[in-house]
Amino acid sequence: MANHKSAKKRVRQSERRNQVNRRNRSALRTAVKKLRAALAAGDKEAASTLLPKTVSLIDKSIQKGVLHANAAGRHKSRLTQSVNNLGR
């Protein structure tokens, strides 16, 4: 347990940041799951409407430090490719 005043403050701050990070990561994972479910069901219309929202959320997660830029690019590329190949 923290003994110093500054250490106690740091514990409070890290708990608050942890909650924010968990909320952002959870929202991102939920959006990706919804898109993948639409892809698995073969619903091109739903996947096409979910893709821009998911890509936007991925971009926001880069800025918030949830995802690394290269990992985010990889996710966006694979999801977009999956949606584009759905109609074939």
C-alpha atoms as a PDB file:
ATOM      1  CA  MET A   1       0.000   0.000   0.000  1.00  0.00           C
ATOM      2  CA  ALA A   2       1.175   3.510  -0.755  1.00  0.00           C
ATOM      3  CA  ASN A   3       2.496   5.475   2.196  1.00  0.00           C
ATOM      4  CA  HIS A   4       3.370   8.876   0.724  1.00  0.00           C
ATOM      5  CA  LYS A   5       0.844  11.451  -0.310  1.00  0.00           C
ATOM      6  CA  SER A   6       2.187  11.504  -3.879  1.00  0.00           C
ATOM      7  CA  ALA A   7       2.127   7.691  -4.064  1.00  0.00           C
ATOM      8  CA  LYS A   8      -1.508   7.645  -2.944  1.00  0.00           C
ATOM      9  CA  LYS A   9      -2.347  10.192  -5.621  1.00  0.00           C
ATOM     10  CA  ARG A  10      -0.541   8.096  -8.224  1.00  0.00           C
ATOM     11  CA  VAL A  11      -2.625   5.049  -7.220  1.00  0.00           C
ATOM     12  CA  ARG A  12      -5.834   7.070  -7.666  1.00  0.00           C
ATOM     13  CA  GLN A  13      -4.681   8.324 -11.059  1.00  0.00           C
ATOM     14  CA  SER A  14      -3.672   4.892 -12.304  1.00  0.00           C
ATOM     15  CA  GLU A  15      -7.019   3.410 -11.231  1.00  0.00           C
ATOM     16  CA  ARG A  16      -8.868   6.143 -13.120  1.00  0.00           C
ATOM     17  CA  ARG A  17      -6.712   5.645 -16.248  1.00  0.00           C
ATOM     18  CA  ASN A  18      -7.193   1.891 -15.991  1.00  0.00           C
ATOM     19  CA  GLN A  19     -10.975   2.338 -16.096  1.00  0.00           C
ATOM     20  CA  VAL A  20     -10.751   4.660 -19.105  1.00  0.00           C
ATOM     21  CA  ASN A  21      -8.450   2.287 -20.969  1.00  0.00           C
ATOM     22  CA  ARG A  22     -10.683  -0.691 -20.180  1.00  0.00           C
ATOM     23  CA  ARG A  23     -13.761   1.208 -21.430  1.00  0.00           C
ATOM     24  CA  ASN A  24     -12.037   2.174 -24.693  1.00  0.00           C
ATOM     25  CA  ARG A  25     -10.652  -1.315 -25.294  1.00  0.00           C
ATOM     26  CA  SER A  26     -14.040  -2.890 -24.576  1.00  0.00           C
ATOM     27  CA  ALA A  27     -15.837  -0.586 -27.035  1.00  0.00           C
ATOM     28  CA  LEU A  28     -13.269  -1.398 -29.712  1.00  0.00           C
ATOM     29  CA  ARG A  29     -13.543  -5.150 -29.186  1.00  0.00           C
ATOM     30  CA  THR A  30     -17.356  -4.980 -29.239  1.00  0.00           C
ATOM     31  CA  ALA A  31     -17.366  -3.111 -32.550  1.00  0.00           C
ATOM     32  CA  VAL A  32     -14.936  -5.580 -34.121  1.00  0.00           C
ATOM     33  CA  LYS A  33     -17.006  -8.527 -32.860  1.00  0.00           C
ATOM     34  CA  LYS A  34     -20.192  -7.074 -34.371  1.00  0.00           C
ATOM     35  CA  LEU A  35     -18.462  -6.589 -37.716  1.00  0.00           C
ATOM     36  CA  ARG A  36     -17.010 -10.104 -37.670  1.00  0.00           C
ATOM     37  CA  ALA A  37     -20.441 -11.521 -36.801  1.00  0.00           C
ATOM     38  CA  ALA A  38     -21.949  -9.744 -39.803  1.00  0.00           C
ATOM     39  CA  LEU A  39     -19.136 -11.120 -41.977  1.00  0.00           C
ATOM     40  CA  ALA A  40     -19.689 -14.646 -40.650  1.00  0.00           C
ATOM     41  CA  ALA A  41     -23.419 -14.366 -41.358  1.00  0.00           C
ATOM     42  CA  GLY A  42     -22.661 -13.196 -44.898  1.00  0.00           C
ATOM     43  CA  ASP A  43     -24.638  -9.972 -44.423  1.00  0.00           C
ATOM     44  CA  LYS A  44     -22.875  -7.591 -46.799  1.00  0.00           C
ATOM     45  CA  GLU A  45     -25.225  -4.691 -46.126  1.00  0.00           C
ATOM     46  CA  ALA A  46     -24.731  -4.794 -42.361  1.00  0.00           C
ATOM     47  CA  ALA A  47     -20.982  -5.297 -42.736  1.00  0.00           C
ATOM     48  CA  SER A  48     -20.750  -2.328 -45.109  1.00  0.00           C
ATOM     49  CA  THR A  49     -22.502  -0.053 -42.619  1.00  0.00           C
ATOM     50  CA  LEU A  50     -20.468  -1.317 -39.648  1.00  0.00           C
ATOM     51  CA  LEU A  51     -17.077  -1.037 -41.382  1.00  0.00           C
ATOM     52  CA  PRO A  52     -16.712   2.793 -41.358  1.00  0.00           C
ATOM     53  CA  LYS A  53     -17.772   2.991 -37.712  1.00  0.00           C
ATOM     54  CA  THR A  54     -15.333   0.256 -36.738  1.00  0.00           C
ATOM     55  CA  VAL A  55     -12.472   1.828 -38.704  1.00  0.00           C
ATOM     56  CA  SER A  56     -13.205   5.161 -37.025  1.00  0.00           C
ATOM     57  CA  LEU A  57     -13.111   3.496 -33.614  1.00  0.00           C
ATOM     58  CA  ILE A  58      -9.808   1.826 -34.500  1.00  0.00           C
ATOM     59  CA  ASP A  59      -8.348   5.202 -35.497  1.00  0.00           C
ATOM     60  CA  LYS A  60      -9.531   6.759 -32.238  1.00  0.00           C
ATOM     61  CA  SER A  61      -7.985   3.900 -30.287  1.00  0.00           C
ATOM     62  CA  ILE A  62      -4.598   4.727 -31.848  1.00  0.00           C
ATOM     63  CA  GLN A  63      -4.855   8.284 -30.522  1.00  0.00           C
ATOM     64  CA  LYS A  64      -5.876   7.040 -27.078  1.00  0.00           C
ATOM     65  CA  GLY A  65      -2.996   4.587 -26.909  1.00  0.00           C
ATOM     66  CA  VAL A  66      -5.141   1.463 -26.886  1.00  0.00           C
ATOM     67  CA  LEU A  67      -3.642   0.093 -30.117  1.00  0.00           C
ATOM     68  CA  HIS A  68      -0.285   0.473 -31.805  1.00  0.00           C
ATOM     69  CA  ALA A  69      -0.506   2.193 -35.188  1.00  0.00           C
ATOM     70  CA  ASN A  70       0.806  -0.812 -37.130  1.00  0.00           C
ATOM     71  CA  ALA A  71      -1.549  -3.220 -35.379  1.00  0.00           C
ATOM     72  CA  ALA A  72      -4.465  -0.895 -36.094  1.00  0.00           C
ATOM     73  CA  GLY A  73      -3.495  -0.684 -39.758  1.00  0.00           C
ATOM     74  CA  ARG A  74      -3.356  -4.453 -39.943  1.00  0.00           C
ATOM     75  CA  HIS A  75      -6.828  -4.770 -38.390  1.00  0.00           C
ATOM     76  CA  LYS A  76      -8.311  -2.138 -40.702  1.00  0.00           C
ATOM     77  CA  SER A  77      -6.773  -3.763 -43.752  1.00  0.00           C
ATOM     78  CA  ARG A  78      -8.001  -7.262 -42.920  1.00  0.00           C
ATOM     79  CA  LEU A  79     -11.506  -6.137 -42.006  1.00  0.00           C
ATOM     80  CA  THR A  80     -11.835  -4.024 -45.149  1.00  0.00           C
ATOM     81  CA  GLN A  81     -10.561  -6.855 -47.292  1.00  0.00           C
ATOM     82  CA  SER A  82     -13.046  -9.256 -45.706  1.00  0.00           C
ATOM     83  CA  VAL A  83     -15.959  -6.887 -46.377  1.00  0.00           C
ATOM     84  CA  ASN A  84     -14.852  -6.355 -49.986  1.00  0.00           C
ATOM     85  CA  ASN A  85     -14.500 -10.102 -50.601  1.00  0.00           C
ATOM     86  CA  LEU A  86     -17.931 -10.838 -49.125  1.00  0.00           C
ATOM     87  CA  GLY A  87     -19.829 -10.218 -52.361  1.00  0.00           C
ATOM     88  CA  ARG A  88     -17.683 -12.585 -54.426  1.00  0.00           C
END
